[in-house]
PDB file of all heavy atoms in Angstrom:
ATOM      1  N   ILE A   1      12.446  -2.350   5.177  1.00  0.00           N
ATOM      2  CA  ILE A   1      13.299  -3.637   5.164  1.00  0.00           C
ATOM      3  C   ILE A   1      12.609  -4.587   4.158  1.00  0.00           C
ATOM      4  O   ILE A   1      13.510  -5.198   3.421  1.00  0.00           O
ATOM      5  CB  ILE A   1      13.238  -4.203   6.514  1.00  0.00           C
ATOM      6  CG1 ILE A   1      13.994  -3.346   7.610  1.00  0.00           C
ATOM      7  CG2 ILE A   1      13.948  -5.642   6.509  1.00  0.00           C
ATOM      8  CD1 ILE A   1      13.956  -3.819   8.997  1.00  0.00           C
ATOM      9  N   MET A   2      11.369  -4.708   4.122  1.00  0.00           N
ATOM     10  CA  MET A   2      10.724  -5.613   3.155  1.00  0.00           C
ATOM     11  C   MET A   2      10.975  -5.267   1.781  1.00  0.00           C
ATOM     12  O   MET A   2      11.340  -6.048   0.794  1.00  0.00           O
ATOM     13  CB  MET A   2       9.246  -5.667   3.478  1.00  0.00           C
ATOM     14  CG  MET A   2       8.423  -6.659   2.646  1.00  0.00           C
ATOM     15  SD  MET A   2       6.738  -6.723   3.058  1.00  0.00           S
ATOM     16  CE  MET A   2       6.770  -7.330   4.694  1.00  0.00           C
ATOM     17  N   VAL A   3      10.850  -3.904   1.408  1.00  0.00           N
ATOM     18  CA  VAL A   3      11.065  -3.441   0.069  1.00  0.00           C
ATOM     19  C   VAL A   3      12.566  -3.586  -0.308  1.00  0.00           C
ATOM     20  O   VAL A   3      12.837  -3.992  -1.383  1.00  0.00           O
ATOM     21  CB  VAL A   3      10.726  -1.969  -0.058  1.00  0.00           C
ATOM     22  CG1 VAL A   3      11.070  -1.366  -1.419  1.00  0.00           C
ATOM     23  CG2 VAL A   3       9.139  -1.861   0.148  1.00  0.00           C
ATOM     24  N   GLY A   4      13.460  -3.424   0.627  1.00  0.00           N
ATOM     25  CA  GLY A   4      14.807  -3.471   0.334  1.00  0.00           C
ATOM     26  C   GLY A   4      15.189  -4.990   0.016  1.00  0.00           C
ATOM     27  O   GLY A   4      15.998  -5.245  -0.906  1.00  0.00           O
ATOM     28  N   ASP A   5      14.659  -5.878   0.818  1.00  0.00           N
ATOM     29  CA  ASP A   5      14.885  -7.398   0.444  1.00  0.00           C
ATOM     30  C   ASP A   5      14.273  -7.792  -0.786  1.00  0.00           C
ATOM     31  O   ASP A   5      14.820  -8.581  -1.432  1.00  0.00           O
ATOM     32  CB  ASP A   5      14.227  -8.137   1.648  1.00  0.00           C
ATOM     33  CG  ASP A   5      14.438  -9.568   1.501  1.00  0.00           C
ATOM     34  OD1 ASP A   5      15.690 -10.087   1.506  1.00  0.00           O
ATOM     35  OD2 ASP A   5      13.556 -10.362   1.290  1.00  0.00           O
ATOM     36  N   SER A   6      13.161  -7.126  -1.136  1.00  0.00           N
ATOM     37  CA  SER A   6      12.388  -7.604  -2.356  1.00  0.00           C
ATOM     38  C   SER A   6      13.198  -7.295  -3.709  1.00  0.00           C
ATOM     39  O   SER A   6      12.965  -7.843  -4.693  1.00  0.00           O
ATOM     40  CB  SER A   6      11.011  -6.951  -2.437  1.00  0.00           C
ATOM     41  OG  SER A   6      11.034  -5.576  -2.548  1.00  0.00           O
ATOM     42  N   ILE A   7      14.050  -6.286  -3.519  1.00  0.00           N
ATOM     43  CA  ILE A   7      14.833  -5.842  -4.702  1.00  0.00           C
ATOM     44  C   ILE A   7      15.751  -7.007  -5.171  1.00  0.00           C
ATOM     45  O   ILE A   7      15.942  -7.258  -6.314  1.00  0.00           O
ATOM     46  CB  ILE A   7      15.760  -4.625  -4.386  1.00  0.00           C
ATOM     47  CG1 ILE A   7      14.856  -3.440  -4.086  1.00  0.00           C
ATOM     48  CG2 ILE A   7      16.706  -4.377  -5.546  1.00  0.00           C
ATOM     49  CD1 ILE A   7      15.634  -2.201  -3.681  1.00  0.00           C
ATOM     50  N   SER A   8      16.315  -7.733  -4.153  1.00  0.00           N
ATOM     51  CA  SER A   8      17.146  -8.809  -4.490  1.00  0.00           C
ATOM     52  C   SER A   8      16.357 -10.150  -4.912  1.00  0.00           C
ATOM     53  O   SER A   8      16.865 -10.938  -5.550  1.00  0.00           O
ATOM     54  CB  SER A   8      18.138  -9.204  -3.323  1.00  0.00           C
ATOM     55  OG  SER A   8      17.331  -9.446  -2.151  1.00  0.00           O
ATOM     56  N   THR A   9      15.108 -10.246  -4.346  1.00  0.00           N
ATOM     57  CA  THR A   9      14.378 -11.523  -4.553  1.00  0.00           C
ATOM     58  C   THR A   9      13.421 -11.331  -5.749  1.00  0.00           C
ATOM     59  O   THR A   9      12.725 -12.316  -6.152  1.00  0.00           O
ATOM     60  CB  THR A   9      13.491 -11.759  -3.293  1.00  0.00           C
ATOM     61  OG1 THR A   9      12.605 -10.715  -2.993  1.00  0.00           O
ATOM     62  CG2 THR A   9      14.357 -12.132  -2.104  1.00  0.00           C
ATOM     63  N   GLY A  10      13.450 -10.098  -6.295  1.00  0.00           N
ATOM     64  CA  GLY A  10      12.569  -9.983  -7.557  1.00  0.00           C
ATOM     65  C   GLY A  10      11.029  -9.729  -7.360  1.00  0.00           C
ATOM     66  O   GLY A  10      10.259  -9.867  -8.220  1.00  0.00           O
ATOM     67  N   SER A  11      10.715  -9.471  -6.111  1.00  0.00           N
ATOM     68  CA  SER A  11       9.295  -9.294  -5.703  1.00  0.00           C
ATOM     69  C   SER A  11       8.989  -7.726  -5.443  1.00  0.00           C
ATOM     70  O   SER A  11       7.995  -7.428  -4.773  1.00  0.00           O
ATOM     71  CB  SER A  11       8.804 -10.093  -4.577  1.00  0.00           C
ATOM     72  OG  SER A  11       9.672  -9.802  -3.434  1.00  0.00           O
ATOM     73  N   LEU A  12       9.831  -6.787  -5.887  1.00  0.00           N
ATOM     74  CA  LEU A  12       9.694  -5.392  -5.622  1.00  0.00           C
ATOM     75  C   LEU A  12       8.319  -4.876  -6.126  1.00  0.00           C
ATOM     76  O   LEU A  12       7.592  -4.121  -5.477  1.00  0.00           O
ATOM     77  CB  LEU A  12      10.803  -4.575  -6.068  1.00  0.00           C
ATOM     78  CG  LEU A  12      10.698  -2.987  -5.974  1.00  0.00           C
ATOM     79  CD1 LEU A  12      10.690  -2.723  -4.527  1.00  0.00           C
ATOM     80  CD2 LEU A  12      11.928  -2.350  -6.725  1.00  0.00           C
ATOM     81  N   PHE A  13       8.012  -5.230  -7.405  1.00  0.00           N
ATOM     82  CA  PHE A  13       6.756  -4.768  -8.004  1.00  0.00           C
ATOM     83  C   PHE A  13       5.544  -5.188  -7.166  1.00  0.00           C
ATOM     84  O   PHE A  13       4.620  -4.325  -6.916  1.00  0.00           O
ATOM     85  CB  PHE A  13       6.633  -5.343  -9.475  1.00  0.00           C
ATOM     86  CG  PHE A  13       5.397  -4.999 -10.161  1.00  0.00           C
ATOM     87  CD1 PHE A  13       5.173  -3.621 -10.540  1.00  0.00           C
ATOM     88  CD2 PHE A  13       4.447  -5.993 -10.354  1.00  0.00           C
ATOM     89  CE1 PHE A  13       3.933  -3.425 -11.202  1.00  0.00           C
ATOM     90  CE2 PHE A  13       3.196  -5.726 -10.847  1.00  0.00           C
ATOM     91  CZ  PHE A  13       3.002  -4.348 -11.417  1.00  0.00           C
ATOM     92  N   GLY A  14       5.575  -6.455  -6.723  1.00  0.00           N
ATOM     93  CA  GLY A  14       4.430  -6.903  -5.985  1.00  0.00           C
ATOM     94  C   GLY A  14       4.246  -6.200  -4.628  1.00  0.00           C
ATOM     95  O   GLY A  14       3.099  -5.844  -4.250  1.00  0.00           O
ATOM     96  N   ASN A  15       5.381  -5.912  -3.967  1.00  0.00           N
ATOM     97  CA  ASN A  15       5.373  -5.178  -2.698  1.00  0.00           C
ATOM     98  C   ASN A  15       4.864  -3.650  -2.931  1.00  0.00           C
ATOM     99  O   ASN A  15       4.106  -3.229  -2.094  1.00  0.00           O
ATOM    100  CB  ASN A  15       6.707  -5.206  -2.049  1.00  0.00           C
ATOM    101  CG  ASN A  15       6.999  -6.594  -1.513  1.00  0.00           C
ATOM    102  OD1 ASN A  15       6.198  -7.350  -1.279  1.00  0.00           O
ATOM    103  ND2 ASN A  15       8.363  -6.798  -1.347  1.00  0.00           N
ATOM    104  N   LEU A  16       5.392  -3.096  -3.904  1.00  0.00           N
ATOM    105  CA  LEU A  16       4.870  -1.745  -4.126  1.00  0.00           C
ATOM    106  C   LEU A  16       3.436  -1.620  -4.511  1.00  0.00           C
ATOM    107  O   LEU A  16       2.773  -0.692  -4.081  1.00  0.00           O
ATOM    108  CB  LEU A  16       5.752  -1.108  -5.291  1.00  0.00           C
ATOM    109  CG  LEU A  16       7.236  -0.903  -4.923  1.00  0.00           C
ATOM    110  CD1 LEU A  16       7.997  -0.335  -6.212  1.00  0.00           C
ATOM    111  CD2 LEU A  16       7.471   0.043  -3.785  1.00  0.00           C
ATOM    112  N   VAL A  17       2.973  -2.541  -5.336  1.00  0.00           N
ATOM    113  CA  VAL A  17       1.613  -2.636  -5.669  1.00  0.00           C
ATOM    114  C   VAL A  17       0.743  -2.883  -4.398  1.00  0.00           C
ATOM    115  O   VAL A  17      -0.366  -2.194  -4.199  1.00  0.00           O
ATOM    116  CB  VAL A  17       1.195  -3.693  -6.705  1.00  0.00           C
ATOM    117  CG1 VAL A  17      -0.286  -3.853  -6.861  1.00  0.00           C
ATOM    118  CG2 VAL A  17       1.934  -3.332  -8.046  1.00  0.00           C
ATOM    119  N   ALA A  18       1.191  -3.721  -3.610  1.00  0.00           N
ATOM    120  CA  ALA A  18       0.509  -4.037  -2.261  1.00  0.00           C
ATOM    121  C   ALA A  18       0.341  -2.687  -1.440  1.00  0.00           C
ATOM    122  O   ALA A  18      -0.738  -2.620  -0.710  1.00  0.00           O
ATOM    123  CB  ALA A  18       1.194  -5.056  -1.530  1.00  0.00           C
ATOM    124  N   LEU A  19       1.197  -1.835  -1.473  1.00  0.00           N
ATOM    125  CA  LEU A  19       1.099  -0.564  -0.712  1.00  0.00           C
ATOM    126  C   LEU A  19      -0.190   0.204  -1.086  1.00  0.00           C
ATOM    127  O   LEU A  19      -0.647   0.937  -0.286  1.00  0.00           O
ATOM    128  CB  LEU A  19       2.406   0.202  -0.862  1.00  0.00           C
ATOM    129  CG  LEU A  19       3.582  -0.024  -0.028  1.00  0.00           C
ATOM    130  CD1 LEU A  19       4.708   0.782  -0.442  1.00  0.00           C
ATOM    131  CD2 LEU A  19       3.209   0.355   1.465  1.00  0.00           C
ATOM    132  N   ALA A  20      -0.565  -0.023  -2.362  1.00  0.00           N
ATOM    133  CA  ALA A  20      -1.865   0.758  -2.686  1.00  0.00           C
ATOM    134  C   ALA A  20      -2.968   0.261  -1.957  1.00  0.00           C
ATOM    135  O   ALA A  20      -4.004   1.136  -1.841  1.00  0.00           O
ATOM    136  CB  ALA A  20      -2.110   0.483  -4.211  1.00  0.00           C
ATOM    137  N   ILE A  21      -2.946  -0.959  -1.359  1.00  0.00           N
ATOM    138  CA  ILE A  21      -4.191  -1.425  -0.667  1.00  0.00           C
ATOM    139  C   ILE A  21      -4.444  -0.699   0.537  1.00  0.00           C
ATOM    140  O   ILE A  21      -5.557  -0.055   0.764  1.00  0.00           O
ATOM    141  CB  ILE A  21      -4.015  -2.947  -0.386  1.00  0.00           C
ATOM    142  CG1 ILE A  21      -3.808  -3.683  -1.740  1.00  0.00           C
ATOM    143  CG2 ILE A  21      -5.213  -3.458   0.323  1.00  0.00           C
ATOM    144  CD1 ILE A  21      -3.505  -5.062  -1.535  1.00  0.00           C
ATOM    145  N   PRO A  22      -3.498  -0.546   1.534  1.00  0.00           N
ATOM    146  CA  PRO A  22      -3.774   0.235   2.739  1.00  0.00           C
ATOM    147  C   PRO A  22      -3.873   1.705   2.466  1.00  0.00           C
ATOM    148  O   PRO A  22      -4.632   2.398   3.119  1.00  0.00           O
ATOM    149  CB  PRO A  22      -2.536  -0.098   3.606  1.00  0.00           C
ATOM    150  CG  PRO A  22      -1.415  -0.393   2.643  1.00  0.00           C
ATOM    151  CD  PRO A  22      -2.212  -1.176   1.509  1.00  0.00           C
ATOM    152  N   ILE A  23      -3.175   2.294   1.457  1.00  0.00           N
ATOM    153  CA  ILE A  23      -3.258   3.642   1.138  1.00  0.00           C
ATOM    154  C   ILE A  23      -4.635   4.010   0.727  1.00  0.00           C
ATOM    155  O   ILE A  23      -5.314   5.017   1.176  1.00  0.00           O
ATOM    156  CB  ILE A  23      -2.176   4.016   0.162  1.00  0.00           C
ATOM    157  CG1 ILE A  23      -0.791   4.065   0.812  1.00  0.00           C
ATOM    158  CG2 ILE A  23      -2.391   5.555  -0.345  1.00  0.00           C
ATOM    159  CD1 ILE A  23       0.415   4.257  -0.152  1.00  0.00           C
ATOM    160  N   ASN A  24      -5.182   3.277  -0.275  1.00  0.00           N
ATOM    161  CA  ASN A  24      -6.435   3.584  -0.816  1.00  0.00           C
ATOM    162  C   ASN A  24      -7.622   3.369   0.258  1.00  0.00           C
ATOM    163  O   ASN A  24      -8.525   4.050   0.280  1.00  0.00           O
ATOM    164  CB  ASN A  24      -6.822   2.627  -2.003  1.00  0.00           C
ATOM    165  CG  ASN A  24      -6.103   3.169  -3.281  1.00  0.00           C
ATOM    166  OD1 ASN A  24      -6.507   4.222  -3.794  1.00  0.00           O
ATOM    167  ND2 ASN A  24      -5.202   2.472  -3.785  1.00  0.00           N
ATOM    168  N   PHE A  25      -7.445   2.321   1.094  1.00  0.00           N
ATOM    169  CA  PHE A  25      -8.382   2.120   2.121  1.00  0.00           C
ATOM    170  C   PHE A  25      -8.374   3.278   3.114  1.00  0.00           C
ATOM    171  O   PHE A  25      -9.446   3.637   3.558  1.00  0.00           O
ATOM    172  CB  PHE A  25      -7.963   0.828   2.965  1.00  0.00           C
ATOM    173  CG  PHE A  25      -8.870   0.561   4.117  1.00  0.00           C
ATOM    174  CD1 PHE A  25     -10.147   0.031   3.900  1.00  0.00           C
ATOM    175  CD2 PHE A  25      -8.558   0.824   5.392  1.00  0.00           C
ATOM    176  CE1 PHE A  25     -11.087  -0.210   4.935  1.00  0.00           C
ATOM    177  CE2 PHE A  25      -9.383   0.625   6.510  1.00  0.00           C
ATOM    178  CZ  PHE A  25     -10.702   0.095   6.263  1.00  0.00           C
ATOM    179  N   ALA A  26      -7.206   3.838   3.386  1.00  0.00           N
ATOM    180  CA  ALA A  26      -7.045   4.908   4.359  1.00  0.00           C
ATOM    181  C   ALA A  26      -7.804   6.194   3.739  1.00  0.00           C
ATOM    182  O   ALA A  26      -8.535   6.915   4.310  1.00  0.00           O
ATOM    183  CB  ALA A  26      -5.706   5.323   4.664  1.00  0.00           C
ATOM    184  N   ILE A  27      -7.678   6.362   2.362  1.00  0.00           N
ATOM    185  CA  ILE A  27      -8.378   7.456   1.733  1.00  0.00           C
ATOM    186  C   ILE A  27      -9.949   7.286   1.771  1.00  0.00           C
ATOM    187  O   ILE A  27     -10.606   8.124   1.906  1.00  0.00           O
ATOM    188  CB  ILE A  27      -7.907   7.478   0.247  1.00  0.00           C
ATOM    189  CG1 ILE A  27      -6.387   7.875   0.185  1.00  0.00           C
ATOM    190  CG2 ILE A  27      -8.699   8.529  -0.548  1.00  0.00           C
ATOM    191  CD1 ILE A  27      -5.830   7.875  -1.123  1.00  0.00           C
ATOM    192  N   TYR A  28     -10.255   5.950   1.533  1.00  0.00           N
ATOM    193  CA  TYR A  28     -11.643   5.620   1.671  1.00  0.00           C
ATOM    194  C   TYR A  28     -12.261   5.960   2.989  1.00  0.00           C
ATOM    195  O   TYR A  28     -13.399   6.543   3.036  1.00  0.00           O
ATOM    196  CB  TYR A  28     -11.722   4.131   1.250  1.00  0.00           C
ATOM    197  CG  TYR A  28     -13.201   3.544   1.544  1.00  0.00           C
ATOM    198  CD1 TYR A  28     -14.237   3.882   0.700  1.00  0.00           C
ATOM    199  CD2 TYR A  28     -13.422   2.618   2.508  1.00  0.00           C
ATOM    200  CE1 TYR A  28     -15.501   3.413   0.842  1.00  0.00           C
ATOM    201  CE2 TYR A  28     -14.736   2.028   2.798  1.00  0.00           C
ATOM    202  CZ  TYR A  28     -15.735   2.538   2.023  1.00  0.00           C
ATOM    203  OH  TYR A  28     -17.010   1.956   2.179  1.00  0.00           O
ATOM    204  N   VAL A  29     -11.516   5.602   4.048  1.00  0.00           N
ATOM    205  CA  VAL A  29     -12.088   5.951   5.431  1.00  0.00           C
ATOM    206  C   VAL A  29     -12.118   7.386   5.622  1.00  0.00           C
ATOM    207  O   VAL A  29     -13.052   7.891   6.273  1.00  0.00           O
ATOM    208  CB  VAL A  29     -11.186   5.307   6.494  1.00  0.00           C
ATOM    209  CG1 VAL A  29     -11.511   5.815   7.814  1.00  0.00           C
ATOM    210  CG2 VAL A  29     -11.173   3.774   6.427  1.00  0.00           C
ATOM    211  N   MET A  30     -11.233   8.210   4.995  1.00  0.00           N
ATOM    212  CA  MET A  30     -11.197   9.688   5.199  1.00  0.00           C
ATOM    213  C   MET A  30     -12.511  10.273   4.513  1.00  0.00           C
ATOM    214  O   MET A  30     -13.136  11.114   4.993  1.00  0.00           O
ATOM    215  CB  MET A  30     -10.019  10.323   4.510  1.00  0.00           C
ATOM    216  CG  MET A  30      -8.706  10.114   5.223  1.00  0.00           C
ATOM    217  SD  MET A  30      -8.616  10.552   6.886  1.00  0.00           S
ATOM    218  CE  MET A  30      -8.677   8.977   7.760  1.00  0.00           C
ATOM    219  N   ILE A  31     -12.827   9.621   3.355  1.00  0.00           N
ATOM    220  CA  ILE A  31     -14.037  10.083   2.631  1.00  0.00           C
ATOM    221  C   ILE A  31     -15.349   9.729   3.475  1.00  0.00           C
ATOM    222  O   ILE A  31     -16.281  10.514   3.570  1.00  0.00           O
ATOM    223  CB  ILE A  31     -14.210   9.322   1.260  1.00  0.00           C
ATOM    224  CG1 ILE A  31     -13.047   9.746   0.349  1.00  0.00           C
ATOM    225  CG2 ILE A  31     -15.634   9.553   0.612  1.00  0.00           C
ATOM    226  CD1 ILE A  31     -12.997   9.009  -0.920  1.00  0.00           C
ATOM    227  N   ILE A  32     -15.264   8.502   4.200  1.00  0.00           N
ATOM    228  CA  ILE A  32     -16.357   8.236   4.998  1.00  0.00           C
ATOM    229  C   ILE A  32     -16.583   9.148   6.267  1.00  0.00           C
ATOM    230  O   ILE A  32     -17.702   9.669   6.584  1.00  0.00           O
ATOM    231  CB  ILE A  32     -16.263   6.788   5.469  1.00  0.00           C
ATOM    232  CG1 ILE A  32     -16.450   5.819   4.333  1.00  0.00           C
ATOM    233  CG2 ILE A  32     -17.305   6.404   6.680  1.00  0.00           C
ATOM    234  CD1 ILE A  32     -16.143   4.223   4.840  1.00  0.00           C
ATOM    235  N   ARG A  33     -15.398   9.504   6.819  1.00  0.00           N
ATOM    236  CA  ARG A  33     -15.400  10.316   8.020  1.00  0.00           C
ATOM    237  C   ARG A  33     -15.802  11.758   7.607  1.00  0.00           C
ATOM    238  O   ARG A  33     -16.606  12.356   8.331  1.00  0.00           O
ATOM    239  CB  ARG A  33     -13.938  10.448   8.601  1.00  0.00           C
ATOM    240  CG  ARG A  33     -13.513   9.168   9.276  1.00  0.00           C
ATOM    241  CD  ARG A  33     -14.163   8.977  10.583  1.00  0.00           C
ATOM    242  NE  ARG A  33     -14.053  10.022  11.498  1.00  0.00           N
ATOM    243  CZ  ARG A  33     -12.940  10.181  12.271  1.00  0.00           C
ATOM    244  NH1 ARG A  33     -11.972   9.224  12.265  1.00  0.00           N
ATOM    245  NH2 ARG A  33     -12.852  11.169  12.974  1.00  0.00           N
ATOM    246  N   LYS A  34     -15.526  12.183   6.437  1.00  0.00           N
ATOM    247  CA  LYS A  34     -15.873  13.529   5.994  1.00  0.00           C
ATOM    248  C   LYS A  34     -17.361  13.570   5.593  1.00  0.00           C
ATOM    249  O   LYS A  34     -17.981  14.687   5.590  1.00  0.00           O
ATOM    250  CB  LYS A  34     -15.147  13.868   4.779  1.00  0.00           C
ATOM    251  CG  LYS A  34     -14.995  15.338   4.539  1.00  0.00           C
ATOM    252  CD  LYS A  34     -14.169  16.066   5.547  1.00  0.00           C
ATOM    253  CE  LYS A  34     -14.000  17.579   5.265  1.00  0.00           C
ATOM    254  NZ  LYS A  34     -13.245  18.305   6.391  1.00  0.00           N
ATOM    255  N   ASN A  35     -17.995  12.395   5.380  1.00  0.00           N
ATOM    256  CA  ASN A  35     -19.353  12.438   5.059  1.00  0.00           C
ATOM    257  C   ASN A  35     -20.172  11.478   5.966  1.00  0.00           C
ATOM    258  O   ASN A  35     -20.865  10.484   5.568  1.00  0.00           O
ATOM    259  CB  ASN A  35     -19.544  11.886   3.574  1.00  0.00           C
ATOM    260  CG  ASN A  35     -18.892  12.879   2.577  1.00  0.00           C
ATOM    261  OD1 ASN A  35     -19.446  13.818   2.174  1.00  0.00           O
ATOM    262  ND2 ASN A  35     -17.643  12.475   2.208  1.00  0.00           N
ATOM    263  N   SER A  36     -19.925  11.709   7.269  1.00  0.00           N
ATOM    264  CA  SER A  36     -20.457  10.703   8.349  1.00  0.00           C
ATOM    265  C   SER A  36     -22.045  10.642   8.371  1.00  0.00           C
ATOM    266  O   SER A  36     -22.542   9.689   8.898  1.00  0.00           O
ATOM    267  CB  SER A  36     -19.794  11.170   9.674  1.00  0.00           C
ATOM    268  OG  SER A  36     -20.165  12.506   9.916  1.00  0.00           O
TER     269      SER A  36
END
């Protein structure tokens, strides 16, 4: 819903870039778990 709304408000780029934050954090936690 947020991404769909951002297309009309012109903030799509910022929302898509923001997705990299939780995704990379999740990958980071996987690395920690694998090397506990």
